Amino acid sequence: MDVGMMWFDPDPRSGFGDKIEKAAAYYRGKYGRTPTLCYVHPATAGGASPSAVGGVEVRTTRSVLPNHYWLGIGVRNAGSN
């Protein structure tokens, strides 16, 4: 993913999956496309490594701050258009 939308949600009352689904819904409304990939900090994922939430692939990385969700369209194959 080269470009994406950063979403911040520190609400302790919402679950991890709910936060991703809320961010994905906002992304769809704003950009007219469904995100396929979401990067989160390992601490935000709660130590678990979920593979997908609502059709959005989830990956952990320390490059994203805790409580932030970086959503966008994943690149399947860099050699194809």
PDB file of N, CA and C in Angstrom:
ATOM      1  N   MET A   1       0.856  -1.163   0.000  1.00  0.00           N
ATOM      2  CA  MET A   1       0.000   0.000   0.000  1.00  0.00           C
ATOM      3  C   MET A   1       0.904   1.228   0.000  1.00  0.00           C
ATOM      4  N   ASP A   2       0.713   2.087  -0.980  1.00  0.00           N
ATOM      5  CA  ASP A   2       1.507   3.304  -1.079  1.00  0.00           C
ATOM      6  C   ASP A   2       0.814   4.497  -0.433  1.00  0.00           C
ATOM      7  N   VAL A   3      -0.492   4.578  -0.586  1.00  0.00           N
ATOM      8  CA  VAL A   3      -1.267   5.703  -0.069  1.00  0.00           C
ATOM      9  C   VAL A   3      -2.425   5.147   0.735  1.00  0.00           C
ATOM     10  N   GLY A   4      -2.741   5.809   1.833  1.00  0.00           N
ATOM     11  CA  GLY A   4      -3.861   5.340   2.637  1.00  0.00           C
ATOM     12  C   GLY A   4      -4.403   6.454   3.501  1.00  0.00           C
ATOM     13  N   MET A   5      -5.382   6.109   4.301  1.00  0.00           N
ATOM     14  CA  MET A   5      -6.009   7.047   5.218  1.00  0.00           C
ATOM     15  C   MET A   5      -5.673   6.623   6.642  1.00  0.00           C
ATOM     16  N   MET A   6      -5.238   7.581   7.462  1.00  0.00           N
ATOM     17  CA  MET A   6      -4.945   7.294   8.862  1.00  0.00           C
ATOM     18  C   MET A   6      -6.183   7.589   9.695  1.00  0.00           C
ATOM     19  N   TRP A   7      -6.541   6.644  10.554  1.00  0.00           N
ATOM     20  CA  TRP A   7      -7.714   6.769  11.409  1.00  0.00           C
ATOM     21  C   TRP A   7      -7.251   6.627  12.853  1.00  0.00           C
ATOM     22  N   PHE A   8      -7.714   7.499  13.744  1.00  0.00           N
ATOM     23  CA  PHE A   8      -7.345   7.458  15.160  1.00  0.00           C
ATOM     24  C   PHE A   8      -8.581   7.152  15.967  1.00  0.00           C
ATOM     25  N   ASP A   9      -8.505   6.141  16.835  1.00  0.00           N
ATOM     26  CA  ASP A   9      -9.641   5.775  17.671  1.00  0.00           C
ATOM     27  C   ASP A   9      -9.139   5.203  18.994  1.00  0.00           C
ATOM     28  N   PRO A  10      -9.057   6.039  20.039  1.00  0.00           N
ATOM     29  CA  PRO A  10      -8.577   5.565  21.334  1.00  0.00           C
ATOM     30  C   PRO A  10      -9.683   5.070  22.273  1.00  0.00           C
ATOM     31  N   ASP A  11     -10.935   5.018  21.806  1.00  0.00           N
ATOM     32  CA  ASP A  11     -12.082   4.661  22.645  1.00  0.00           C
ATOM     33  C   ASP A  11     -11.932   3.260  23.229  1.00  0.00           C
ATOM     34  N   PRO A  12     -11.777   3.142  24.554  1.00  0.00           N
ATOM     35  CA  PRO A  12     -11.614   1.818  25.167  1.00  0.00           C
ATOM     36  C   PRO A  12     -12.905   0.991  25.194  1.00  0.00           C
ATOM     37  N   ARG A  13     -14.048   1.632  24.916  1.00  0.00           N
ATOM     38  CA  ARG A  13     -15.326   0.909  24.940  1.00  0.00           C
ATOM     39  C   ARG A  13     -15.594   0.141  23.659  1.00  0.00           C
ATOM     40  N   SER A  14     -14.902   0.500  22.580  1.00  0.00           N
ATOM     41  CA  SER A  14     -15.105  -0.174  21.291  1.00  0.00           C
ATOM     42  C   SER A  14     -14.093  -1.299  21.129  1.00  0.00           C
ATOM     43  N   GLY A  15     -14.534  -2.367  20.506  1.00  0.00           N
ATOM     44  CA  GLY A  15     -13.646  -3.492  20.235  1.00  0.00           C
ATOM     45  C   GLY A  15     -12.758  -3.217  19.029  1.00  0.00           C
ATOM     46  N   PHE A  16     -11.695  -3.979  18.930  1.00  0.00           N
ATOM     47  CA  PHE A  16     -10.723  -3.837  17.840  1.00  0.00           C
ATOM     48  C   PHE A  16     -11.402  -3.969  16.476  1.00  0.00           C
ATOM     49  N   GLY A  17     -12.186  -5.006  16.283  1.00  0.00           N
ATOM     50  CA  GLY A  17     -12.870  -5.225  15.007  1.00  0.00           C
ATOM     51  C   GLY A  17     -13.865  -4.126  14.691  1.00  0.00           C
ATOM     52  N   ASP A  18     -14.566  -3.649  15.714  1.00  0.00           N
ATOM     53  CA  ASP A  18     -15.532  -2.567  15.510  1.00  0.00           C
ATOM     54  C   ASP A  18     -14.843  -1.298  15.019  1.00  0.00           C
ATOM     55  N   LYS A  19     -13.655  -1.024  15.550  1.00  0.00           N
ATOM     56  CA  LYS A  19     -12.920   0.174  15.150  1.00  0.00           C
ATOM     57  C   LYS A  19     -12.501   0.092  13.684  1.00  0.00           C
ATOM     58  N   ILE A  20     -12.050  -1.079  13.262  1.00  0.00           N
ATOM     59  CA  ILE A  20     -11.643  -1.248  11.868  1.00  0.00           C
ATOM     60  C   ILE A  20     -12.860  -1.134  10.953  1.00  0.00           C
ATOM     61  N   GLU A  21     -13.982  -1.732  11.337  1.00  0.00           N
ATOM     62  CA  GLU A  21     -15.187  -1.650  10.518  1.00  0.00           C
ATOM     63  C   GLU A  21     -15.689  -0.207  10.416  1.00  0.00           C
ATOM     64  N   LYS A  22     -15.607   0.553  11.504  1.00  0.00           N
ATOM     65  CA  LYS A  22     -16.015   1.959  11.494  1.00  0.00           C
ATOM     66  C   LYS A  22     -15.094   2.773  10.580  1.00  0.00           C
ATOM     67  N   ALA A  23     -13.796   2.530  10.683  1.00  0.00           N
ATOM     68  CA  ALA A  23     -12.834   3.238   9.826  1.00  0.00           C
ATOM     69  C   ALA A  23     -13.045   2.869   8.362  1.00  0.00           C
ATOM     70  N   ALA A  24     -13.316   1.594   8.089  1.00  0.00           N
ATOM     71  CA  ALA A  24     -13.538   1.147   6.708  1.00  0.00           C
ATOM     72  C   ALA A  24     -14.804   1.773   6.130  1.00  0.00           C
ATOM     73  N   ALA A  25     -15.839   1.898   6.943  1.00  0.00           N
ATOM     74  CA  ALA A  25     -17.076   2.533   6.480  1.00  0.00           C
ATOM     75  C   ALA A  25     -16.833   4.001   6.143  1.00  0.00           C
ATOM     76  N   TYR A  26     -16.061   4.684   6.958  1.00  0.00           N
ATOM     77  CA  TYR A  26     -15.734   6.077   6.678  1.00  0.00           C
ATOM     78  C   TYR A  26     -14.929   6.180   5.385  1.00  0.00           C
ATOM     79  N   TYR A  27     -13.963   5.283   5.217  1.00  0.00           N
ATOM     80  CA  TYR A  27     -13.128   5.253   4.007  1.00  0.00           C
ATOM     81  C   TYR A  27     -14.002   5.076   2.768  1.00  0.00           C
ATOM     82  N   ARG A  28     -14.942   4.112   2.830  1.00  0.00           N
ATOM     83  CA  ARG A  28     -15.852   3.873   1.695  1.00  0.00           C
ATOM     84  C   ARG A  28     -16.651   5.119   1.359  1.00  0.00           C
ATOM     85  N   GLY A  29     -17.174   5.778   2.378  1.00  0.00           N
ATOM     86  CA  GLY A  29     -17.958   6.984   2.157  1.00  0.00           C
ATOM     87  C   GLY A  29     -17.141   8.134   1.588  1.00  0.00           C
ATOM     88  N   LYS A  30     -15.925   8.273   2.036  1.00  0.00           N
ATOM     89  CA  LYS A  30     -15.074   9.381   1.604  1.00  0.00           C
ATOM     90  C   LYS A  30     -14.463   9.159   0.225  1.00  0.00           C
ATOM     91  N   TYR A  31     -13.990   7.929  -0.041  1.00  0.00           N
ATOM     92  CA  TYR A  31     -13.252   7.657  -1.274  1.00  0.00           C
ATOM     93  C   TYR A  31     -14.017   6.823  -2.300  1.00  0.00           C
ATOM     94  N   GLY A  32     -15.167   6.284  -1.930  1.00  0.00           N
ATOM     95  CA  GLY A  32     -15.971   5.519  -2.874  1.00  0.00           C
ATOM     96  C   GLY A  32     -15.420   4.140  -3.196  1.00  0.00           C
ATOM     97  N   ARG A  33     -14.463   3.685  -2.427  1.00  0.00           N
ATOM     98  CA  ARG A  33     -13.876   2.345  -2.607  1.00  0.00           C
ATOM     99  C   ARG A  33     -13.768   1.680  -1.245  1.00  0.00           C
ATOM    100  N   THR A  34     -13.766   0.373  -1.246  1.00  0.00           N
ATOM    101  CA  THR A  34     -13.618  -0.376  -0.004  1.00  0.00           C
ATOM    102  C   THR A  34     -12.142  -0.658   0.251  1.00  0.00           C
ATOM    103  N   PRO A  35     -11.641  -0.320   1.437  1.00  0.00           N
ATOM    104  CA  PRO A  35     -10.239  -0.623   1.721  1.00  0.00           C
ATOM    105  C   PRO A  35     -10.034  -2.131   1.802  1.00  0.00           C
ATOM    106  N   THR A  36      -8.852  -2.569   1.443  1.00  0.00           N
ATOM    107  CA  THR A  36      -8.549  -4.002   1.476  1.00  0.00           C
ATOM    108  C   THR A  36      -7.459  -4.333   2.482  1.00  0.00           C
ATOM    109  N   LEU A  37      -6.805  -3.306   3.038  1.00  0.00           N
ATOM    110  CA  LEU A  37      -5.667  -3.528   3.919  1.00  0.00           C
ATOM    111  C   LEU A  37      -5.660  -2.506   5.038  1.00  0.00           C
ATOM    112  N   CYS A  38      -5.307  -2.956   6.244  1.00  0.00           N
ATOM    113  CA  CYS A  38      -5.212  -2.070   7.399  1.00  0.00           C
ATOM    114  C   CYS A  38      -3.975  -2.446   8.204  1.00  0.00           C
ATOM    115  N   TYR A  39      -3.119  -1.464   8.445  1.00  0.00           N
ATOM    116  CA  TYR A  39      -1.951  -1.655   9.300  1.00  0.00           C
ATOM    117  C   TYR A  39      -2.236  -1.070  10.669  1.00  0.00           C
ATOM    118  N   VAL A  40      -1.876  -1.807  11.723  1.00  0.00           N
ATOM    119  CA  VAL A  40      -2.038  -1.337  13.096  1.00  0.00           C
ATOM    120  C   VAL A  40      -0.783  -1.673  13.892  1.00  0.00           C
ATOM    121  N   HIS A  41      -0.573  -0.958  14.980  1.00  0.00           N
ATOM    122  CA  HIS A  41       0.528  -1.240  15.895  1.00  0.00           C
ATOM    123  C   HIS A  41       0.209  -2.555  16.622  1.00  0.00           C
ATOM    124  N   PRO A  42       1.214  -3.374  16.930  1.00  0.00           N
ATOM    125  CA  PRO A  42       0.945  -4.637  17.636  1.00  0.00           C
ATOM    126  C   PRO A  42       0.197  -4.443  18.957  1.00  0.00           C
ATOM    127  N   ALA A  43       0.480  -3.352  19.676  1.00  0.00           N
ATOM    128  CA  ALA A  43      -0.226  -3.100  20.939  1.00  0.00           C
ATOM    129  C   ALA A  43      -1.707  -2.822  20.696  1.00  0.00           C
ATOM    130  N   THR A  44      -2.043  -2.197  19.585  1.00  0.00           N
ATOM    131  CA  THR A  44      -3.436  -1.914  19.249  1.00  0.00           C
ATOM    132  C   THR A  44      -4.186  -3.201  18.954  1.00  0.00           C
ATOM    133  N   ALA A  45      -3.484  -4.149  18.359  1.00  0.00           N
ATOM    134  CA  ALA A  45      -4.107  -5.447  18.052  1.00  0.00           C
ATOM    135  C   ALA A  45      -4.245  -6.301  19.308  1.00  0.00           C
ATOM    136  N   GLY A  46      -3.725  -5.819  20.437  1.00  0.00           N
ATOM    137  CA  GLY A  46      -3.866  -6.544  21.698  1.00  0.00           C
ATOM    138  C   GLY A  46      -3.032  -7.803  21.769  1.00  0.00           C
ATOM    139  N   GLY A  47      -1.931  -7.836  21.063  1.00  0.00           N
ATOM    140  CA  GLY A  47      -1.069  -9.006  21.079  1.00  0.00           C
ATOM    141  C   GLY A  47      -1.500 -10.081  20.103  1.00  0.00           C
ATOM    142  N   ALA A  48      -2.733  -9.995  19.632  1.00  0.00           N
ATOM    143  CA  ALA A  48      -3.223 -10.972  18.655  1.00  0.00           C
ATOM    144  C   ALA A  48      -2.847 -10.499  17.260  1.00  0.00           C
ATOM    145  N   SER A  49      -2.843 -11.397  16.333  1.00  0.00           N
ATOM    146  CA  SER A  49      -2.574 -11.039  14.942  1.00  0.00           C
ATOM    147  C   SER A  49      -3.756 -11.449  14.078  1.00  0.00           C
ATOM    148  N   PRO A  50      -4.838 -10.662  14.123  1.00  0.00           N
ATOM    149  CA  PRO A  50      -5.989 -11.014  13.294  1.00  0.00           C
ATOM    150  C   PRO A  50      -5.631 -10.909  11.825  1.00  0.00           C
ATOM    151  N   SER A  51      -6.126 -11.831  11.031  1.00  0.00           N
ATOM    152  CA  SER A  51      -5.792 -11.830   9.608  1.00  0.00           C
ATOM    153  C   SER A  51      -6.740 -10.955   8.797  1.00  0.00           C
ATOM    154  N   ALA A  52      -7.991 -10.813   9.259  1.00  0.00           N
ATOM    155  CA  ALA A  52      -8.958  -9.992   8.523  1.00  0.00           C
ATOM    156  C   ALA A  52     -10.116  -9.594   9.431  1.00  0.00           C
ATOM    157  N   VAL A  53     -10.670  -8.435   9.143  1.00  0.00           N
ATOM    158  CA  VAL A  53     -11.865  -7.947   9.828  1.00  0.00           C
ATOM    159  C   VAL A  53     -12.785  -7.381   8.759  1.00  0.00           C
ATOM    160  N   GLY A  54     -13.945  -7.978   8.606  1.00  0.00           N
ATOM    161  CA  GLY A  54     -14.916  -7.482   7.638  1.00  0.00           C
ATOM    162  C   GLY A  54     -14.383  -7.395   6.217  1.00  0.00           C
ATOM    163  N   GLY A  55     -13.547  -8.327   5.823  1.00  0.00           N
ATOM    164  CA  GLY A  55     -12.998  -8.328   4.480  1.00  0.00           C
ATOM    165  C   GLY A  55     -11.759  -7.467   4.305  1.00  0.00           C
ATOM    166  N   VAL A  56     -11.301  -6.816   5.375  1.00  0.00           N
ATOM    167  CA  VAL A  56     -10.097  -5.990   5.332  1.00  0.00           C
ATOM    168  C   VAL A  56      -8.956  -6.780   5.963  1.00  0.00           C
ATOM    169  N   GLU A  57      -7.895  -7.016   5.192  1.00  0.00           N
ATOM    170  CA  GLU A  57      -6.725  -7.718   5.717  1.00  0.00           C
ATOM    171  C   GLU A  57      -6.054  -6.840   6.760  1.00  0.00           C
ATOM    172  N   VAL A  58      -5.680  -7.430   7.897  1.00  0.00           N
ATOM    173  CA  VAL A  58      -5.059  -6.685   8.982  1.00  0.00           C
ATOM    174  C   VAL A  58      -3.624  -7.183   9.172  1.00  0.00           C
ATOM    175  N   ARG A  59      -2.697  -6.229   9.197  1.00  0.00           N
ATOM    176  CA  ARG A  59      -1.286  -6.540   9.441  1.00  0.00           C
ATOM    177  C   ARG A  59      -0.788  -5.629  10.558  1.00  0.00           C
ATOM    178  N   THR A  60       0.152  -6.133  11.344  1.00  0.00           N
ATOM    179  CA  THR A  60       0.729  -5.315  12.392  1.00  0.00           C
ATOM    180  C   THR A  60       2.092  -4.787  11.969  1.00  0.00           C
ATOM    181  N   THR A  61       2.392  -3.579  12.438  1.00  0.00           N
ATOM    182  CA  THR A  61       3.682  -2.948  12.191  1.00  0.00           C
ATOM    183  C   THR A  61       3.934  -1.911  13.277  1.00  0.00           C
ATOM    184  N   ARG A  62       5.162  -1.785  13.680  1.00  0.00           N
ATOM    185  CA  ARG A  62       5.524  -0.771  14.677  1.00  0.00           C
ATOM    186  C   ARG A  62       5.642   0.611  14.046  1.00  0.00           C
ATOM    187  N   SER A  63       5.494   0.703  12.745  1.00  0.00           N
ATOM    188  CA  SER A  63       5.557   1.990  12.038  1.00  0.00           C
ATOM    189  C   SER A  63       4.303   2.834  12.244  1.00  0.00           C
ATOM    190  N   VAL A  64       3.223   2.200  12.685  1.00  0.00           N
ATOM    191  CA  VAL A  64       1.972   2.905  12.948  1.00  0.00           C
ATOM    192  C   VAL A  64       1.852   3.081  14.460  1.00  0.00           C
ATOM    193  N   LEU A  65       1.504   4.278  14.901  1.00  0.00           N
ATOM    194  CA  LEU A  65       1.374   4.548  16.332  1.00  0.00           C
ATOM    195  C   LEU A  65       0.201   3.777  16.938  1.00  0.00           C
ATOM    196  N   PRO A  66       0.263   3.468  18.238  1.00  0.00           N
ATOM    197  CA  PRO A  66      -0.863   2.816  18.900  1.00  0.00           C
ATOM    198  C   PRO A  66      -2.155   3.622  18.731  1.00  0.00           C
ATOM    199  N   ASN A  67      -3.249   2.923  18.617  1.00  0.00           N
ATOM    200  CA  ASN A  67      -4.596   3.486  18.443  1.00  0.00           C
ATOM    201  C   ASN A  67      -4.805   4.161  17.092  1.00  0.00           C
ATOM    202  N   HIS A  68      -3.903   3.949  16.150  1.00  0.00           N
ATOM    203  CA  HIS A  68      -4.034   4.467  14.791  1.00  0.00           C
ATOM    204  C   HIS A  68      -4.247   3.290  13.843  1.00  0.00           C
ATOM    205  N   TYR A  69      -5.006   3.535  12.789  1.00  0.00           N
ATOM    206  CA  TYR A  69      -5.326   2.504  11.799  1.00  0.00           C
ATOM    207  C   TYR A  69      -5.036   3.097  10.428  1.00  0.00           C
ATOM    208  N   TRP A  70      -4.130   2.478   9.685  1.00  0.00           N
ATOM    209  CA  TRP A  70      -3.771   2.972   8.356  1.00  0.00           C
ATOM    210  C   TRP A  70      -4.467   2.089   7.336  1.00  0.00           C
ATOM    211  N   LEU A  71      -5.493   2.608   6.690  1.00  0.00           N
ATOM    212  CA  LEU A  71      -6.302   1.850   5.743  1.00  0.00           C
ATOM    213  C   LEU A  71      -6.059   2.298   4.316  1.00  0.00           C
ATOM    214  N   GLY A  72      -6.159   1.351   3.405  1.00  0.00           N
ATOM    215  CA  GLY A  72      -6.028   1.669   1.992  1.00  0.00           C
ATOM    216  C   GLY A  72      -6.244   0.451   1.131  1.00  0.00           C
ATOM    217  N   ILE A  73      -5.850   0.572  -0.114  1.00  0.00           N
ATOM    218  CA  ILE A  73      -5.976  -0.516  -1.084  1.00  0.00           C
ATOM    219  C   ILE A  73      -4.624  -1.218  -1.165  1.00  0.00           C
ATOM    220  N   GLY A  74      -4.592  -2.480  -0.845  1.00  0.00           N
ATOM    221  CA  GLY A  74      -3.350  -3.244  -0.899  1.00  0.00           C
ATOM    222  C   GLY A  74      -2.927  -3.518  -2.330  1.00  0.00           C
ATOM    223  N   VAL A  75      -1.626  -3.622  -2.528  1.00  0.00           N
ATOM    224  CA  VAL A  75      -1.067  -3.925  -3.825  1.00  0.00           C
ATOM    225  C   VAL A  75      -0.852  -5.428  -3.888  1.00  0.00           C
ATOM    226  N   ARG A  76      -1.568  -6.096  -4.779  1.00  0.00           N
ATOM    227  CA  ARG A  76      -1.470  -7.558  -4.866  1.00  0.00           C
ATOM    228  C   ARG A  76      -0.185  -8.004  -5.538  1.00  0.00           C
ATOM    229  N   ASN A  77       0.122  -7.365  -6.652  1.00  0.00           N
ATOM    230  CA  ASN A  77       1.301  -7.745  -7.400  1.00  0.00           C
ATOM    231  C   ASN A  77       1.902  -6.485  -8.009  1.00  0.00           C
ATOM    232  N   ALA A  78       3.097  -6.143  -7.563  1.00  0.00           N
ATOM    233  CA  ALA A  78       3.705  -4.880  -7.992  1.00  0.00           C
ATOM    234  C   ALA A  78       3.935  -4.835  -9.503  1.00  0.00           C
ATOM    235  N   GLY A  79       3.997  -5.977 -10.164  1.00  0.00           N
ATOM    236  CA  GLY A  79       4.256  -6.018 -11.601  1.00  0.00           C
ATOM    237  C   GLY A  79       3.028  -5.886 -12.470  1.00  0.00           C
ATOM    238  N   SER A  80       1.830  -5.935 -11.879  1.00  0.00           N
ATOM    239  CA  SER A  80       0.610  -5.859 -12.695  1.00  0.00           C
ATOM    240  C   SER A  80      -0.083  -4.529 -12.526  1.00  0.00           C
ATOM    241  N   ASN A  81      -0.928  -4.162 -13.491  1.00  0.00           N
ATOM    242  CA  ASN A  81      -1.646  -2.888 -13.421  1.00  0.00           C
ATOM    243  C   ASN A  81      -3.013  -3.072 -12.861  1.00  0.00           C
TER     244      ASN A  81
END
